[in-house]
Amino acid sequence: MRPSIPRLSPEWAPYVFLTPFLLLFAVFGIFPLLFSFYLAFQSWEPTAGLSAMKFVGLDNFTFTLGDEWFWKSLGNTLWLALAAGVPQHLVAIPLATFIHSVFKRGRNAVVGVYFLPYITSTVAIAMMFSTLFSTEHGMINQGIHYLSQWTLFNWFLPDQPIDWLGQAETLKPAIATVVFWRYVGFNLVLYLAALQTIPKDLYEAATMDGSGRWQQFWFITLPSLRPMIYFGVTLSVIGGMQLFEEPFILTSGKGGTDQAGMTTAVYMYRTAFDFNDFGTASALSWLLFIFVLALTWLTNRAFRERQVKA
């Protein structure tokens, strides 16, 4: 007789199938999170081994809160989050509305062109913009030099090449430009998807009532996009506060002149791997988490539906 094959009880089947995911999540998700929280209260140099850990209490948090570089990096992060995040939505919403109303055929190809930077390697994008921002041979400076020859523009455009990545006053706008260019297509896809859910009957009724395109956009499109705007802005807030790749590559990992391009994530990386202080870096990461949580709560408050009192 053939040996009977043990069958899995239906009651245990879900747990068995979930076990691989739970194990991977525990090892690569929960453990690093808990270890980082534990490390925030320790003084530790990894080259000395785990036995070199020394409990220091809240000293890492106290040092970070009194660190001038931390507050400078946080200010840079907030500046870049606003300068790169706000234009993304101000451009993506009307652009999505235009594509939705004008392009009937070939819409996917147009959207794909805008979405391409989002799926392109960050390293490749940063290297490309490093070339574009080059002082001597960059296309951006060459374009500015060409326009400065015109009488209409020569009164405010400089006649000398701009050192975009070497000056503190131009480094942050350069980084914000790269971040904006990369993520505006992502927000465009979000808003375009939301626009396709708005009933056409609303626009037809508004047209019959004599409403123009601007009135339809202001009183129908924007209110209907409110949930998606909240979602997109929340993602921008979280991503902006965690900004790392673009400033890290454009400044060669050092933060640039006068640390003008050093975001909090870059400073956290430097604290851990340049200064070999993993305890302070962990404390810095948890402080950043608190700031992100606070900004997300404020975003939720700003977009929360106001209760109309009877």
Protein backbone atom coordinates (compact mmCIF):
# COMPACT_ATOMS: atom_id res chain seq x y z
CA MET A 1 0.00 0.00 0.00
CA ARG A 2 1.09 3.50 -0.77
CA PRO A 3 1.96 5.51 2.34
CA SER A 4 -0.62 8.11 3.21
CA ILE A 5 0.50 11.67 2.70
CA PRO A 6 -0.22 13.90 5.70
CA ARG A 7 -2.65 16.66 4.82
CA LEU A 8 -2.51 20.17 6.11
CA SER A 9 -5.43 21.14 8.27
CA PRO A 10 -7.45 24.03 6.75
CA GLU A 11 -7.20 25.81 10.08
CA TRP A 12 -3.38 25.92 9.85
CA ALA A 13 -3.07 26.52 6.12
CA PRO A 14 -3.16 30.37 6.30
CA TYR A 15 -0.44 30.43 8.95
CA VAL A 16 1.80 28.06 7.00
CA PHE A 17 1.51 30.13 3.83
CA LEU A 18 2.16 33.35 5.74
CA THR A 19 5.19 31.97 7.58
CA PRO A 20 7.81 32.78 4.87
CA PHE A 21 6.67 36.39 4.67
CA LEU A 22 6.51 36.76 8.45
CA LEU A 23 10.02 35.35 8.84
CA LEU A 24 11.46 37.67 6.21
CA PHE A 25 9.59 40.64 7.67
CA ALA A 26 10.84 39.80 11.17
CA VAL A 27 14.45 39.50 10.03
CA PHE A 28 14.61 42.45 7.62
CA GLY A 29 11.88 44.67 9.06
CA ILE A 30 11.18 44.29 12.76
CA PHE A 31 14.69 43.35 13.91
CA PRO A 32 16.46 46.34 12.29
CA LEU A 33 13.77 48.64 13.69
CA LEU A 34 14.15 47.33 17.23
CA PHE A 35 17.93 47.22 16.97
CA SER A 36 17.99 50.84 15.81
CA PHE A 37 15.84 51.87 18.77
CA TYR A 38 18.14 49.97 21.14
CA LEU A 39 21.22 51.46 19.49
CA ALA A 40 19.90 55.00 19.98
CA PHE A 41 20.65 54.66 23.69
CA GLN A 42 24.12 53.21 23.18
CA SER A 43 27.56 54.50 22.33
CA TRP A 44 29.03 52.12 19.78
CA GLU A 45 31.67 51.91 17.13
CA PRO A 46 30.99 48.84 14.98
CA THR A 47 34.67 48.16 14.39
CA ALA A 48 35.02 47.34 18.10
CA GLY A 49 32.35 44.64 18.03
CA LEU A 50 29.04 44.23 19.82
CA SER A 51 30.74 43.91 23.18
CA ALA A 52 31.90 47.53 22.93
CA MET A 53 28.36 48.89 23.28
CA LYS A 54 27.94 51.23 26.22
CA PHE A 55 24.61 52.45 27.53
CA VAL A 56 24.50 56.26 27.57
CA GLY A 57 20.79 56.89 28.14
CA LEU A 58 19.49 60.01 26.40
CA ASP A 59 22.93 61.45 25.68
CA ASN A 60 22.66 60.73 21.95
CA PHE A 61 19.33 62.57 21.74
CA THR A 62 20.65 65.47 23.84
CA PHE A 63 23.74 65.79 21.67
CA THR A 64 21.70 65.68 18.46
CA LEU A 65 19.21 68.31 19.62
CA GLY A 66 22.12 70.60 20.51
CA ASP A 67 24.02 69.90 17.31
CA GLU A 68 24.17 72.85 14.91
CA TRP A 69 24.61 70.56 11.92
CA PHE A 70 21.44 68.67 12.76
CA TRP A 71 19.32 71.81 12.71
CA LYS A 72 21.05 73.03 9.57
CA SER A 73 20.35 69.71 7.86
CA LEU A 74 16.73 69.82 9.02
CA GLY A 75 16.37 73.34 7.62
CA ASN A 76 17.85 72.20 4.31
CA THR A 77 15.46 69.26 4.25
CA LEU A 78 12.40 71.44 4.87
CA TRP A 79 13.54 73.93 2.23
CA LEU A 80 14.03 71.22 -0.38
CA ALA A 81 10.76 69.50 0.57
CA LEU A 82 8.84 72.73 -0.04
CA ALA A 83 10.80 73.94 -3.08
CA ALA A 84 10.60 70.58 -4.83
CA GLY A 85 7.29 69.27 -3.45
CA VAL A 86 4.89 72.19 -3.88
CA PRO A 87 5.66 72.78 -7.60
CA GLN A 88 5.17 69.08 -8.29
CA HIS A 89 1.48 69.34 -7.45
CA LEU A 90 0.97 72.84 -8.86
CA VAL A 91 2.22 71.55 -12.22
CA ALA A 92 0.88 67.97 -12.09
CA ILE A 93 -2.77 68.91 -11.43
CA PRO A 94 -3.35 71.28 -14.38
CA LEU A 95 -1.11 69.14 -16.61
CA ALA A 96 -3.13 66.02 -15.77
CA THR A 97 -6.35 67.94 -16.46
CA PHE A 98 -5.00 69.09 -19.84
CA ILE A 99 -3.88 65.59 -20.86
CA HIS A 100 -7.17 64.09 -19.69
CA SER A 101 -9.27 66.54 -21.70
CA VAL A 102 -7.13 66.86 -24.85
CA PHE A 103 -5.45 63.49 -25.44
CA LYS A 104 -7.91 60.75 -26.27
CA ARG A 105 -5.59 58.60 -28.34
CA GLY A 106 -1.95 58.24 -27.45
CA ARG A 107 -2.60 59.31 -23.86
CA ASN A 108 -0.62 56.39 -22.45
CA ALA A 109 2.42 57.30 -24.53
CA VAL A 110 2.31 60.91 -23.30
CA VAL A 111 1.93 59.83 -19.69
CA GLY A 112 4.73 57.30 -20.12
CA VAL A 113 7.11 60.08 -21.19
CA TYR A 114 6.37 62.05 -18.01
CA PHE A 115 6.54 58.91 -15.84
CA LEU A 116 9.88 57.76 -17.26
CA PRO A 117 12.09 59.85 -14.90
CA TYR A 118 10.43 58.23 -11.88
CA ILE A 119 11.44 54.71 -12.92
CA THR A 120 14.91 55.75 -14.10
CA SER A 121 17.89 55.06 -11.85
CA THR A 122 18.51 57.88 -9.39
CA VAL A 123 22.25 57.56 -9.91
CA ALA A 124 21.86 57.95 -13.66
CA ILE A 125 19.60 60.99 -13.20
CA ALA A 126 21.99 62.65 -10.75
CA MET A 127 24.97 62.03 -13.03
CA MET A 128 23.07 63.45 -15.99
CA PHE A 129 22.16 66.61 -14.08
CA SER A 130 25.73 66.92 -12.79
CA THR A 131 26.76 67.22 -16.44
CA LEU A 132 23.93 69.65 -17.22
CA PHE A 133 24.90 71.84 -14.24
CA SER A 134 28.60 71.80 -15.18
CA THR A 135 30.13 75.26 -14.87
CA GLU A 136 32.08 75.36 -18.12
CA HIS A 137 30.39 72.95 -20.49
CA GLY A 138 26.93 72.37 -18.99
CA MET A 139 23.96 72.91 -21.27
CA ILE A 140 22.15 74.96 -18.62
CA ASN A 141 24.94 77.55 -18.44
CA GLN A 142 25.25 77.54 -22.22
CA GLY A 143 21.52 78.22 -22.52
CA ILE A 144 21.73 81.06 -19.99
CA HIS A 145 24.71 82.54 -21.86
CA TYR A 146 22.78 82.38 -25.15
CA LEU A 147 19.71 84.08 -23.65
CA SER A 148 21.85 86.74 -21.96
CA GLN A 149 22.82 88.01 -25.41
CA TRP A 150 19.22 89.08 -25.99
CA THR A 151 18.21 92.55 -24.89
CA LEU A 152 15.06 91.19 -23.27
CA PHE A 153 17.01 88.97 -20.86
CA ASN A 154 20.44 90.54 -20.43
CA TRP A 155 19.32 92.82 -17.60
CA PHE A 156 18.83 89.95 -15.12
CA LEU A 157 20.77 86.99 -16.55
CA PRO A 158 24.46 86.76 -15.56
CA ASP A 159 27.12 86.99 -18.25
CA GLN A 160 29.41 84.59 -16.38
CA PRO A 161 28.88 80.81 -15.95
CA ILE A 162 27.12 79.85 -12.72
CA ASP A 163 28.78 77.29 -10.46
CA TRP A 164 25.49 75.56 -9.66
CA LEU A 165 26.90 72.77 -7.51
CA GLY A 166 29.78 74.73 -6.00
CA GLN A 167 27.94 77.68 -4.46
CA ALA A 168 25.74 77.48 -1.39
CA GLU A 169 23.09 79.83 -2.81
CA THR A 170 22.61 77.81 -6.02
CA LEU A 171 23.10 74.26 -4.73
CA LYS A 172 19.68 73.86 -3.12
CA PRO A 173 17.75 75.17 -6.17
CA ALA A 174 19.74 72.75 -8.35
CA ILE A 175 18.83 69.80 -6.11
CA ALA A 176 15.18 70.90 -5.94
CA THR A 177 15.08 71.02 -9.75
CA VAL A 178 16.29 67.43 -10.00
CA VAL A 179 13.77 66.20 -7.41
CA PHE A 180 10.92 68.10 -9.10
CA TRP A 181 11.82 66.72 -12.54
CA ARG A 182 11.93 63.19 -11.21
CA TYR A 183 8.66 63.09 -9.27
CA VAL A 184 6.29 65.37 -11.18
CA GLY A 185 5.43 62.47 -13.52
CA PHE A 186 4.52 60.24 -10.58
CA ASN A 187 2.03 62.80 -9.29
CA LEU A 188 0.74 63.28 -12.82
CA VAL A 189 -0.20 59.59 -12.98
CA LEU A 190 -1.96 59.84 -9.60
CA TYR A 191 -4.08 62.80 -10.63
CA LEU A 192 -4.80 61.41 -14.07
CA ALA A 193 -6.13 58.22 -12.47
CA ALA A 194 -8.31 60.28 -10.14
CA LEU A 195 -9.65 62.39 -13.01
CA GLN A 196 -10.91 59.29 -14.78
CA THR A 197 -13.18 58.52 -11.81
CA ILE A 198 -15.03 61.86 -11.95
CA PRO A 199 -18.47 61.35 -13.56
CA LYS A 200 -18.84 63.13 -16.90
CA ASP A 201 -22.40 64.00 -15.94
CA LEU A 202 -21.09 66.66 -13.58
CA TYR A 203 -19.29 68.48 -16.38
CA GLU A 204 -22.25 68.12 -18.75
CA ALA A 205 -24.62 69.56 -16.16
CA ALA A 206 -22.20 72.41 -15.44
CA THR A 207 -21.89 73.17 -19.15
CA MET A 208 -25.67 73.33 -19.48
CA ASP A 209 -25.76 75.76 -16.57
CA GLY A 210 -23.32 78.02 -18.39
CA SER A 211 -20.15 77.24 -16.43
CA GLY A 212 -16.86 77.79 -18.24
CA ARG A 213 -13.78 75.59 -18.13
CA TRP A 214 -12.20 77.55 -15.29
CA GLN A 215 -15.35 77.32 -13.17
CA GLN A 216 -15.60 73.58 -13.86
CA PHE A 217 -11.97 73.12 -12.89
CA TRP A 218 -12.35 75.14 -9.68
CA PHE A 219 -15.72 73.82 -8.47
CA ILE A 220 -15.74 70.25 -9.85
CA THR A 221 -12.24 69.03 -10.64
CA LEU A 222 -10.36 70.31 -7.59
CA PRO A 223 -12.95 69.18 -4.99
CA SER A 224 -13.12 65.77 -6.65
CA LEU A 225 -9.33 65.50 -6.55
CA ARG A 226 -9.13 66.37 -2.87
CA PRO A 227 -8.59 62.77 -1.62
CA MET A 228 -5.88 62.17 -4.21
CA ILE A 229 -4.25 65.53 -3.45
CA TYR A 230 -4.14 64.54 0.20
CA PHE A 231 -2.54 61.21 -0.73
CA GLY A 232 -0.01 62.83 -3.08
CA VAL A 233 0.93 65.59 -0.65
CA THR A 234 1.40 63.04 2.14
CA LEU A 235 3.76 61.03 -0.04
CA SER A 236 5.64 64.22 -0.93
CA VAL A 237 6.00 65.16 2.73
CA ILE A 238 7.33 61.73 3.70
CA GLY A 239 9.61 61.49 0.67
CA GLY A 240 10.85 65.06 1.03
CA MET A 241 11.81 64.58 4.67
CA GLN A 242 13.71 61.39 3.74
CA LEU A 243 15.46 62.92 0.72
CA PHE A 244 18.85 61.27 0.29
CA GLU A 245 19.90 60.05 -3.16
CA GLU A 246 19.87 63.28 -5.16
CA PRO A 247 21.75 65.51 -2.66
CA PHE A 248 24.12 62.69 -1.75
CA ILE A 249 25.21 62.09 -5.35
CA LEU A 250 25.24 65.74 -6.45
CA THR A 251 27.40 66.73 -3.45
CA SER A 252 29.58 63.60 -3.51
CA GLY A 253 28.20 62.60 -0.13
CA LYS A 254 29.65 65.61 1.71
CA GLY A 255 26.76 68.08 1.70
CA GLY A 256 28.32 70.63 -0.64
CA THR A 257 29.61 74.12 0.07
CA ASP A 258 28.70 75.31 3.58
CA GLN A 259 26.69 72.06 3.90
CA ALA A 260 23.93 73.72 1.86
CA GLY A 261 22.89 70.40 0.31
CA MET A 262 23.16 68.24 3.41
CA THR A 263 19.74 66.87 4.24
CA THR A 264 18.97 65.10 7.51
CA ALA A 265 19.20 61.70 5.80
CA VAL A 266 22.62 62.59 4.37
CA TYR A 267 23.78 63.83 7.77
CA MET A 268 22.53 60.61 9.35
CA TYR A 269 24.55 58.61 6.81
CA ARG A 270 27.67 60.68 7.47
CA THR A 271 27.27 60.36 11.22
CA ALA A 272 27.17 56.58 10.92
CA PHE A 273 29.68 55.84 8.17
CA ASP A 274 31.96 58.90 8.09
CA PHE A 275 32.08 59.69 11.81
CA ASN A 276 31.60 56.07 12.90
CA ASP A 277 28.97 57.02 15.49
CA PHE A 278 26.08 54.61 15.00
CA GLY A 279 24.41 55.46 18.31
CA THR A 280 23.98 59.13 17.44
CA ALA A 281 22.91 58.19 13.90
CA SER A 282 20.17 55.96 15.32
CA ALA A 283 18.98 58.71 17.64
CA LEU A 284 18.97 61.08 14.68
CA SER A 285 16.83 58.66 12.66
CA TRP A 286 14.22 58.46 15.43
CA LEU A 287 14.11 62.25 15.75
CA LEU A 288 13.58 62.44 12.00
CA PHE A 289 10.77 59.92 12.36
CA ILE A 290 9.11 62.17 14.94
CA PHE A 291 9.35 65.18 12.61
CA VAL A 292 7.89 63.16 9.72
CA LEU A 293 5.08 61.96 11.97
CA ALA A 294 4.33 65.53 13.09
CA LEU A 295 4.26 66.86 9.52
CA THR A 296 2.05 63.98 8.40
CA TRP A 297 -0.37 64.79 11.23
CA LEU A 298 -0.40 68.45 10.20
CA THR A 299 -1.09 67.41 6.61
CA ASN A 300 -3.98 65.29 7.80
CA ARG A 301 -5.35 68.21 9.80
CA ALA A 302 -5.07 70.51 6.78
CA PHE A 303 -6.99 68.13 4.50
CA ARG A 304 -9.49 66.91 7.06
CA GLU A 305 -13.06 67.55 6.10
CA ARG A 306 -14.47 70.37 8.18
CA GLN A 307 -17.69 69.56 9.92
CA VAL A 308 -20.45 71.96 8.97
CA LYS A 309 -22.44 72.93 12.01
CA ALA A 310 -26.21 72.90 11.59
